[in-house]
PDB file of N, CA and C in Angstrom:
ATOM      1  N   MET A   1       0.883  -1.187  -0.033  1.00  0.00           N
ATOM      2  CA  MET A   1       0.037  -0.011  -0.070  1.00  0.00           C
ATOM      3  C   MET A   1       0.875   1.159  -0.043  1.00  0.00           C
ATOM      4  N   SER A   2       0.559   2.184  -0.876  1.00  0.00           N
ATOM      5  CA  SER A   2       1.348   3.378  -1.010  1.00  0.00           C
ATOM      6  C   SER A   2       0.769   4.477  -0.075  1.00  0.00           C
ATOM      7  N   PHE A   3       1.725   5.247   0.646  1.00  0.00           N
ATOM      8  CA  PHE A   3       1.182   6.295   1.487  1.00  0.00           C
ATOM      9  C   PHE A   3       1.425   7.601   0.689  1.00  0.00           C
ATOM     10  N   LEU A   4       1.635   7.541  -0.476  1.00  0.00           N
ATOM     11  CA  LEU A   4       1.814   8.716  -1.288  1.00  0.00           C
ATOM     12  C   LEU A   4       0.871   8.786  -2.433  1.00  0.00           C
ATOM     13  N   ALA A   5      -0.472   8.383  -2.121  1.00  0.00           N
ATOM     14  CA  ALA A   5      -1.508   8.147  -3.111  1.00  0.00           C
ATOM     15  C   ALA A   5      -1.802   9.543  -3.803  1.00  0.00           C
ATOM     16  N   GLY A   6      -1.859  10.635  -3.077  1.00  0.00           N
ATOM     17  CA  GLY A   6      -2.187  11.855  -3.754  1.00  0.00           C
ATOM     18  C   GLY A   6      -1.063  12.340  -4.630  1.00  0.00           C
ATOM     19  N   GLN A   7       0.257  12.104  -4.168  1.00  0.00           N
ATOM     20  CA  GLN A   7       1.425  12.591  -4.982  1.00  0.00           C
ATOM     21  C   GLN A   7       1.454  11.795  -6.228  1.00  0.00           C
ATOM     22  N   LYS A   8       1.105  10.422  -6.205  1.00  0.00           N
ATOM     23  CA  LYS A   8       1.124   9.490  -7.378  1.00  0.00           C
ATOM     24  C   LYS A   8       0.171   9.955  -8.288  1.00  0.00           C
ATOM     25  N   ALA A   9      -1.103  10.246  -7.902  1.00  0.00           N
ATOM     26  CA  ALA A   9      -2.197  10.652  -8.776  1.00  0.00           C
ATOM     27  C   ALA A   9      -1.806  11.916  -9.510  1.00  0.00           C
ATOM     28  N   LEU A  10      -1.232  12.842  -8.780  1.00  0.00           N
ATOM     29  CA  LEU A  10      -0.847  14.126  -9.295  1.00  0.00           C
ATOM     30  C   LEU A  10       0.237  13.997 -10.366  1.00  0.00           C
ATOM     31  N   GLU A  11       1.190  13.118 -10.085  1.00  0.00           N
ATOM     32  CA  GLU A  11       2.298  12.833 -10.980  1.00  0.00           C
ATOM     33  C   GLU A  11       1.719  12.151 -12.258  1.00  0.00           C
ATOM     34  N   TYR A  12       0.798  11.282 -12.118  1.00  0.00           N
ATOM     35  CA  TYR A  12       0.139  10.594 -13.257  1.00  0.00           C
ATOM     36  C   TYR A  12      -0.499  11.614 -14.232  1.00  0.00           C
ATOM     37  N   VAL A  13      -1.292  12.490 -13.592  1.00  0.00           N
ATOM     38  CA  VAL A  13      -2.023  13.498 -14.345  1.00  0.00           C
ATOM     39  C   VAL A  13      -1.051  14.402 -15.114  1.00  0.00           C
ATOM     40  N   ARG A  14       0.041  14.807 -14.494  1.00  0.00           N
ATOM     41  CA  ARG A  14       0.951  15.625 -14.977  1.00  0.00           C
ATOM     42  C   ARG A  14       1.789  15.000 -16.204  1.00  0.00           C
ATOM     43  N   LEU A  15       2.003  13.735 -15.997  1.00  0.00           N
ATOM     44  CA  LEU A  15       2.703  12.947 -17.036  1.00  0.00           C
ATOM     45  C   LEU A  15       1.872  12.531 -18.285  1.00  0.00           C
ATOM     46  N   HIS A  16       0.588  12.581 -17.991  1.00  0.00           N
ATOM     47  CA  HIS A  16      -0.329  12.096 -19.046  1.00  0.00           C
ATOM     48  C   HIS A  16      -1.458  13.048 -19.299  1.00  0.00           C
ATOM     49  N   PRO A  17      -1.072  14.244 -19.775  1.00  0.00           N
ATOM     50  CA  PRO A  17      -2.086  15.394 -19.867  1.00  0.00           C
ATOM     51  C   PRO A  17      -3.250  14.919 -20.772  1.00  0.00           C
ATOM     52  N   GLY A  18      -4.463  15.275 -20.444  1.00  0.00           N
ATOM     53  CA  GLY A  18      -5.577  14.910 -21.121  1.00  0.00           C
ATOM     54  C   GLY A  18      -6.100  13.517 -21.120  1.00  0.00           C
ATOM     55  N   GLU A  19      -5.342  12.570 -20.497  1.00  0.00           N
ATOM     56  CA  GLU A  19      -5.801  11.268 -20.448  1.00  0.00           C
ATOM     57  C   GLU A  19      -6.834  10.952 -19.353  1.00  0.00           C
ATOM     58  N   VAL A  20      -6.831  11.728 -18.362  1.00  0.00           N
ATOM     59  CA  VAL A  20      -7.725  11.459 -17.151  1.00  0.00           C
ATOM     60  C   VAL A  20      -8.880  12.530 -17.267  1.00  0.00           C
ATOM     61  N   THR A  21     -10.032  11.912 -17.346  1.00  0.00           N
ATOM     62  CA  THR A  21     -11.294  12.887 -17.499  1.00  0.00           C
ATOM     63  C   THR A  21     -11.867  13.211 -16.117  1.00  0.00           C
ATOM     64  N   LEU A  22     -11.773  12.227 -15.156  1.00  0.00           N
ATOM     65  CA  LEU A  22     -12.446  12.385 -13.887  1.00  0.00           C
ATOM     66  C   LEU A  22     -11.656  11.579 -12.770  1.00  0.00           C
ATOM     67  N   ALA A  23     -11.605  12.222 -11.678  1.00  0.00           N
ATOM     68  CA  ALA A  23     -10.928  11.599 -10.531  1.00  0.00           C
ATOM     69  C   ALA A  23     -11.848  11.587  -9.303  1.00  0.00           C
ATOM     70  N   VAL A  24     -11.889  10.561  -8.698  1.00  0.00           N
ATOM     71  CA  VAL A  24     -12.628  10.350  -7.382  1.00  0.00           C
ATOM     72  C   VAL A  24     -11.656  10.272  -6.278  1.00  0.00           C
ATOM     73  N   VAL A  25     -11.624  11.203  -5.395  1.00  0.00           N
ATOM     74  CA  VAL A  25     -10.586  11.315  -4.368  1.00  0.00           C
ATOM     75  C   VAL A  25     -11.151  11.238  -2.981  1.00  0.00           C
ATOM     76  N   ASP A  26     -10.535  10.634  -2.056  1.00  0.00           N
ATOM     77  CA  ASP A  26     -10.943  10.577  -0.780  1.00  0.00           C
ATOM     78  C   ASP A  26     -10.715  11.970  -0.051  1.00  0.00           C
ATOM     79  N   PHE A  27     -11.446  12.321   0.917  1.00  0.00           N
ATOM     80  CA  PHE A  27     -11.357  13.534   1.613  1.00  0.00           C
ATOM     81  C   PHE A  27      -9.959  13.544   2.395  1.00  0.00           C
ATOM     82  N   ARG A  28      -9.715  12.462   2.924  1.00  0.00           N
ATOM     83  CA  ARG A  28      -8.525  12.322   3.730  1.00  0.00           C
ATOM     84  C   ARG A  28      -7.605  11.258   3.219  1.00  0.00           C
ATOM     85  N   LEU A  29      -6.482  11.797   2.700  1.00  0.00           N
ATOM     86  CA  LEU A  29      -5.390  10.878   2.114  1.00  0.00           C
ATOM     87  C   LEU A  29      -4.241  10.949   3.118  1.00  0.00           C
ATOM     88  N   PRO A  30      -3.292   9.957   2.989  1.00  0.00           N
ATOM     89  CA  PRO A  30      -2.204   9.936   3.906  1.00  0.00           C
ATOM     90  C   PRO A  30      -1.182  11.071   3.724  1.00  0.00           C
ATOM     91  N   ASP A  31      -1.125  11.658   2.369  1.00  0.00           N
ATOM     92  CA  ASP A  31      -0.034  12.516   2.169  1.00  0.00           C
ATOM     93  C   ASP A  31      -0.623  14.004   1.883  1.00  0.00           C
ATOM     94  N   MET A  32      -1.913  14.064   1.723  1.00  0.00           N
ATOM     95  CA  MET A  32      -2.453  15.460   1.571  1.00  0.00           C
ATOM     96  C   MET A  32      -3.969  15.361   1.737  1.00  0.00           C
ATOM     97  N   SER A  33      -4.687  16.445   1.840  1.00  0.00           N
ATOM     98  CA  SER A  33      -6.118  16.355   1.887  1.00  0.00           C
ATOM     99  C   SER A  33      -6.669  16.194   0.453  1.00  0.00           C
ATOM    100  N   GLY A  34      -7.856  15.637   0.399  1.00  0.00           N
ATOM    101  CA  GLY A  34      -8.545  15.485  -0.879  1.00  0.00           C
ATOM    102  C   GLY A  34      -8.761  16.798  -1.657  1.00  0.00           C
ATOM    103  N   LEU A  35      -9.080  17.829  -0.806  1.00  0.00           N
ATOM    104  CA  LEU A  35      -9.379  19.186  -1.324  1.00  0.00           C
ATOM    105  C   LEU A  35      -8.015  19.840  -1.949  1.00  0.00           C
ATOM    106  N   ASP A  36      -6.947  19.478  -1.246  1.00  0.00           N
ATOM    107  CA  ASP A  36      -5.691  19.907  -1.732  1.00  0.00           C
ATOM    108  C   ASP A  36      -5.339  19.189  -3.082  1.00  0.00           C
ATOM    109  N   LEU A  37      -5.436  17.871  -3.126  1.00  0.00           N
ATOM    110  CA  LEU A  37      -5.279  17.127  -4.347  1.00  0.00           C
ATOM    111  C   LEU A  37      -6.244  17.612  -5.393  1.00  0.00           C
ATOM    112  N   MET A  38      -7.434  17.818  -5.188  1.00  0.00           N
ATOM    113  CA  MET A  38      -8.388  18.367  -6.137  1.00  0.00           C
ATOM    114  C   MET A  38      -7.770  19.650  -6.732  1.00  0.00           C
ATOM    115  N   THR A  39      -7.347  20.598  -6.002  1.00  0.00           N
ATOM    116  CA  THR A  39      -6.829  21.921  -6.516  1.00  0.00           C
ATOM    117  C   THR A  39      -5.707  21.588  -7.333  1.00  0.00           C
ATOM    118  N   ARG A  40      -4.790  20.795  -6.833  1.00  0.00           N
ATOM    119  CA  ARG A  40      -3.475  20.519  -7.698  1.00  0.00           C
ATOM    120  C   ARG A  40      -3.863  19.808  -8.956  1.00  0.00           C
ATOM    121  N   LEU A  41      -4.737  18.896  -8.968  1.00  0.00           N
ATOM    122  CA  LEU A  41      -5.106  18.089 -10.160  1.00  0.00           C
ATOM    123  C   LEU A  41      -5.681  19.102 -11.154  1.00  0.00           C
ATOM    124  N   GLN A  42      -6.614  19.993 -10.656  1.00  0.00           N
ATOM    125  CA  GLN A  42      -7.213  21.011 -11.633  1.00  0.00           C
ATOM    126  C   GLN A  42      -6.208  22.046 -12.092  1.00  0.00           C
ATOM    127  N   ASP A  43      -5.297  22.356 -11.273  1.00  0.00           N
ATOM    128  CA  ASP A  43      -4.176  23.201 -11.754  1.00  0.00           C
ATOM    129  C   ASP A  43      -3.382  22.548 -12.910  1.00  0.00           C
ATOM    130  N   ALA A  44      -3.174  21.252 -12.700  1.00  0.00           N
ATOM    131  CA  ALA A  44      -2.428  20.452 -13.718  1.00  0.00           C
ATOM    132  C   ALA A  44      -3.250  20.317 -14.916  1.00  0.00           C
ATOM    133  N   ASP A  45      -4.497  20.142 -14.822  1.00  0.00           N
ATOM    134  CA  ASP A  45      -5.369  19.913 -15.957  1.00  0.00           C
ATOM    135  C   ASP A  45      -6.759  20.550 -15.650  1.00  0.00           C
ATOM    136  N   PRO A  46      -6.853  21.786 -16.132  1.00  0.00           N
ATOM    137  CA  PRO A  46      -8.126  22.436 -15.740  1.00  0.00           C
ATOM    138  C   PRO A  46      -9.517  21.830 -16.345  1.00  0.00           C
ATOM    139  N   GLN A  47      -9.354  20.879 -17.274  1.00  0.00           N
ATOM    140  CA  GLN A  47     -10.519  20.204 -17.779  1.00  0.00           C
ATOM    141  C   GLN A  47     -10.927  18.923 -16.994  1.00  0.00           C
ATOM    142  N   LEU A  48     -10.050  18.514 -16.043  1.00  0.00           N
ATOM    143  CA  LEU A  48     -10.212  17.375 -15.203  1.00  0.00           C
ATOM    144  C   LEU A  48     -11.324  17.615 -14.122  1.00  0.00           C
ATOM    145  N   ARG A  49     -12.293  16.724 -14.137  1.00  0.00           N
ATOM    146  CA  ARG A  49     -13.403  16.756 -13.139  1.00  0.00           C
ATOM    147  C   ARG A  49     -13.050  15.966 -11.891  1.00  0.00           C
ATOM    148  N   VAL A  50     -13.346  16.410 -10.726  1.00  0.00           N
ATOM    149  CA  VAL A  50     -12.966  15.706  -9.530  1.00  0.00           C
ATOM    150  C   VAL A  50     -14.299  15.703  -8.587  1.00  0.00           C
ATOM    151  N   ILE A  51     -14.376  14.547  -8.005  1.00  0.00           N
ATOM    152  CA  ILE A  51     -15.395  14.165  -7.055  1.00  0.00           C
ATOM    153  C   ILE A  51     -14.674  13.918  -5.716  1.00  0.00           C
ATOM    154  N   VAL A  52     -15.011  14.560  -4.661  1.00  0.00           N
ATOM    155  CA  VAL A  52     -14.497  14.306  -3.338  1.00  0.00           C
ATOM    156  C   VAL A  52     -15.412  13.344  -2.519  1.00  0.00           C
ATOM    157  N   SER A  53     -14.887  12.329  -2.074  1.00  0.00           N
ATOM    158  CA  SER A  53     -15.675  11.395  -1.272  1.00  0.00           C
ATOM    159  C   SER A  53     -15.277  11.379   0.152  1.00  0.00           C
ATOM    160  N   SER A  54     -16.166  11.259   1.084  1.00  0.00           N
ATOM    161  CA  SER A  54     -15.913  11.129   2.493  1.00  0.00           C
ATOM    162  C   SER A  54     -17.038  10.432   3.367  1.00  0.00           C
ATOM    163  N   GLY A  55     -16.641   9.885   4.377  1.00  0.00           N
ATOM    164  CA  GLY A  55     -17.631   9.354   5.351  1.00  0.00           C
ATOM    165  C   GLY A  55     -17.721  10.260   6.566  1.00  0.00           C
ATOM    166  N   TYR A  56     -16.968  11.307   6.641  1.00  0.00           N
ATOM    167  CA  TYR A  56     -16.965  12.232   7.789  1.00  0.00           C
ATOM    168  C   TYR A  56     -17.953  13.259   7.731  1.00  0.00           C
ATOM    169  N   PHE A  57     -18.536  13.579   6.630  1.00  0.00           N
ATOM    170  CA  PHE A  57     -19.580  14.678   6.507  1.00  0.00           C
ATOM    171  C   PHE A  57     -20.814  14.197   5.869  1.00  0.00           C
ATOM    172  N   ALA A  58     -21.926  14.745   6.308  1.00  0.00           N
ATOM    173  CA  ALA A  58     -23.162  14.711   5.451  1.00  0.00           C
ATOM    174  C   ALA A  58     -23.078  15.611   4.307  1.00  0.00           C
ATOM    175  N   ASP A  59     -23.722  15.127   3.127  1.00  0.00           N
ATOM    176  CA  ASP A  59     -23.652  15.814   1.921  1.00  0.00           C
ATOM    177  C   ASP A  59     -23.995  17.359   2.088  1.00  0.00           C
ATOM    178  N   ASP A  60     -25.142  17.630   2.817  1.00  0.00           N
ATOM    179  CA  ASP A  60     -25.545  18.972   3.051  1.00  0.00           C
ATOM    180  C   ASP A  60     -24.516  19.824   3.837  1.00  0.00           C
ATOM    181  N   ILE A  61     -23.859  19.254   4.781  1.00  0.00           N
ATOM    182  CA  ILE A  61     -22.916  20.018   5.521  1.00  0.00           C
ATOM    183  C   ILE A  61     -21.688  20.292   4.664  1.00  0.00           C
ATOM    184  N   PHE A  62     -21.163  19.313   3.916  1.00  0.00           N
ATOM    185  CA  PHE A  62     -20.102  19.376   3.029  1.00  0.00           C
ATOM    186  C   PHE A  62     -20.321  20.536   2.019  1.00  0.00           C
ATOM    187  N   SER A  63     -21.312  20.419   1.429  1.00  0.00           N
ATOM    188  CA  SER A  63     -21.824  21.328   0.234  1.00  0.00           C
ATOM    189  C   SER A  63     -21.920  22.774   0.821  1.00  0.00           C
ATOM    190  N   GLU A  64     -22.372  22.951   2.153  1.00  0.00           N
ATOM    191  CA  GLU A  64     -22.391  24.294   2.728  1.00  0.00           C
ATOM    192  C   GLU A  64     -21.095  24.846   2.851  1.00  0.00           C
ATOM    193  N   VAL A  65     -20.131  24.009   3.351  1.00  0.00           N
ATOM    194  CA  VAL A  65     -18.701  24.499   3.590  1.00  0.00           C
ATOM    195  C   VAL A  65     -17.906  24.562   2.291  1.00  0.00           C
ATOM    196  N   TYR A  66     -18.024  23.614   1.477  1.00  0.00           N
ATOM    197  CA  TYR A  66     -17.290  23.509   0.261  1.00  0.00           C
ATOM    198  C   TYR A  66     -18.093  23.643  -1.017  1.00  0.00           C
ATOM    199  N   ARG A  67     -18.527  24.952  -1.317  1.00  0.00           N
ATOM    200  CA  ARG A  67     -19.315  25.182  -2.447  1.00  0.00           C
ATOM    201  C   ARG A  67     -18.616  24.785  -3.744  1.00  0.00           C
ATOM    202  N   ASP A  68     -19.406  24.385  -4.777  1.00  0.00           N
ATOM    203  CA  ASP A  68     -18.955  24.011  -6.059  1.00  0.00           C
ATOM    204  C   ASP A  68     -17.870  22.896  -6.007  1.00  0.00           C
ATOM    205  N   VAL A  69     -17.973  21.998  -5.009  1.00  0.00           N
ATOM    206  CA  VAL A  69     -17.177  20.814  -5.076  1.00  0.00           C
ATOM    207  C   VAL A  69     -18.098  19.676  -5.062  1.00  0.00           C
ATOM    208  N   ALA A  70     -17.852  18.781  -6.150  1.00  0.00           N
ATOM    209  CA  ALA A  70     -18.683  17.690  -6.258  1.00  0.00           C
ATOM    210  C   ALA A  70     -18.341  16.726  -5.120  1.00  0.00           C
ATOM    211  N   PHE A  71     -19.354  16.194  -4.421  1.00  0.00           N
ATOM    212  CA  PHE A  71     -19.175  15.359  -3.206  1.00  0.00           C
ATOM    213  C   PHE A  71     -20.044  14.045  -3.321  1.00  0.00           C
ATOM    214  N   LEU A  72     -19.355  13.011  -2.844  1.00  0.00           N
ATOM    215  CA  LEU A  72     -19.977  11.711  -2.791  1.00  0.00           C
ATOM    216  C   LEU A  72     -19.824  11.198  -1.464  1.00  0.00           C
ATOM    217  N   GLN A  73     -21.004  10.999  -0.598  1.00  0.00           N
ATOM    218  CA  GLN A  73     -20.859  10.668   0.723  1.00  0.00           C
ATOM    219  C   GLN A  73     -20.621   9.056   0.743  1.00  0.00           C
ATOM    220  N   LYS A  74     -19.795   8.632   1.606  1.00  0.00           N
ATOM    221  CA  LYS A  74     -19.543   7.166   1.833  1.00  0.00           C
ATOM    222  C   LYS A  74     -20.545   6.723   3.103  1.00  0.00           C
ATOM    223  N   PRO A  75     -20.877   5.536   3.025  1.00  0.00           N
ATOM    224  CA  PRO A  75     -20.635   4.525   2.007  1.00  0.00           C
ATOM    225  C   PRO A  75     -21.655   4.850   0.934  1.00  0.00           C
ATOM    226  N   TYR A  76     -21.251   4.562  -0.404  1.00  0.00           N
ATOM    227  CA  TYR A  76     -22.020   4.779  -1.539  1.00  0.00           C
ATOM    228  C   TYR A  76     -22.270   3.536  -2.274  1.00  0.00           C
ATOM    229  N   THR A  77     -23.253   3.523  -3.012  1.00  0.00           N
ATOM    230  CA  THR A  77     -23.694   2.395  -3.830  1.00  0.00           C
ATOM    231  C   THR A  77     -23.130   2.556  -5.327  1.00  0.00           C
ATOM    232  N   ALA A  78     -23.213   1.579  -6.118  1.00  0.00           N
ATOM    233  CA  ALA A  78     -22.634   1.579  -7.454  1.00  0.00           C
ATOM    234  C   ALA A  78     -23.712   2.636  -8.211  1.00  0.00           C
ATOM    235  N   GLU A  79     -24.921   2.673  -7.819  1.00  0.00           N
ATOM    236  CA  GLU A  79     -25.771   3.614  -8.367  1.00  0.00           C
ATOM    237  C   GLU A  79     -25.559   5.027  -8.034  1.00  0.00           C
ATOM    238  N   GLY A  80     -25.164   5.163  -6.737  1.00  0.00           N
ATOM    239  CA  GLY A  80     -24.754   6.542  -6.245  1.00  0.00           C
ATOM    240  C   GLY A  80     -23.464   7.011  -6.970  1.00  0.00           C
ATOM    241  N   LEU A  81     -22.517   6.120  -7.088  1.00  0.00           N
ATOM    242  CA  LEU A  81     -21.238   6.617  -7.884  1.00  0.00           C
ATOM    243  C   LEU A  81     -21.509   6.787  -9.289  1.00  0.00           C
ATOM    244  N   THR A  82     -22.393   5.992  -9.954  1.00  0.00           N
ATOM    245  CA  THR A  82     -22.740   6.298 -11.240  1.00  0.00           C
ATOM    246  C   THR A  82     -23.389   7.634 -11.543  1.00  0.00           C
ATOM    247  N   ALA A  83     -24.336   7.890 -10.639  1.00  0.00           N
ATOM    248  CA  ALA A  83     -25.027   9.321 -10.722  1.00  0.00           C
ATOM    249  C   ALA A  83     -24.022  10.461 -10.395  1.00  0.00           C
ATOM    250  N   ALA A  84     -23.106  10.264  -9.516  1.00  0.00           N
ATOM    251  CA  ALA A  84     -22.128  11.352  -9.219  1.00  0.00           C
ATOM    252  C   ALA A  84     -21.221  11.549 -10.349  1.00  0.00           C
ATOM    253  N   VAL A  85     -20.742  10.457 -10.983  1.00  0.00           N
ATOM    254  CA  VAL A  85     -19.974  10.651 -12.169  1.00  0.00           C
ATOM    255  C   VAL A  85     -20.608  11.177 -13.333  1.00  0.00           C
ATOM    256  N   ALA A  86     -21.857  10.867 -13.710  1.00  0.00           N
ATOM    257  CA  ALA A  86     -22.637  11.452 -14.705  1.00  0.00           C
ATOM    258  C   ALA A  86     -22.843  12.960 -14.413  1.00  0.00           C
ATOM    259  N   ALA A  87     -23.135  13.336 -13.136  1.00  0.00           N
ATOM    260  CA  ALA A  87     -23.365  14.766 -12.821  1.00  0.00           C
ATOM    261  C   ALA A  87     -22.041  15.549 -13.014  1.00  0.00           C
ATOM    262  N   ALA A  88     -20.998  14.947 -12.537  1.00  0.00           N
ATOM    263  CA  ALA A  88     -19.690  15.658 -12.666  1.00  0.00           C
ATOM    264  C   ALA A  88     -19.290  15.754 -14.153  1.00  0.00           C
ATOM    265  N   LEU A  89     -19.557  14.838 -14.944  1.00  0.00           N
ATOM    266  CA  LEU A  89     -19.116  14.882 -16.314  1.00  0.00           C
ATOM    267  C   LEU A  89     -19.940  15.925 -17.192  1.00  0.00           C
ATOM    268  N   ALA A  90     -21.276  15.949 -16.598  1.00  0.00           N
ATOM    269  CA  ALA A  90     -22.265  16.857 -17.280  1.00  0.00           C
ATOM    270  C   ALA A  90     -22.013  18.322 -16.893  1.00  0.00           C
ATOM    271  N   ALA A  91     -21.360  18.555 -15.775  1.00  0.00           N
ATOM    272  CA  ALA A  91     -21.215  19.896 -15.204  1.00  0.00           C
ATOM    273  C   ALA A  91     -20.277  20.829 -16.120  1.00  0.00           C
TER     274      ALA A  91
END
């Protein structure tokens, strides 16, 4: 298991511009916050869509604090993930 998950994702996006359309990131990562990773990923590729997922917040609380951030509350179902991905890609 890698403890540099955020750094590896960021490195991949930087090395493969335009190949990643959407990233689902956890709010808490071992090496950085999911919001920090989201910002860095979008700086590396402004077209990249990001969904932040967490079990620490309720959707309404998260959305109130972090406006304009796509959020997927854990635990989620395949249907919930599919709907979140469709909404993020349509945005």
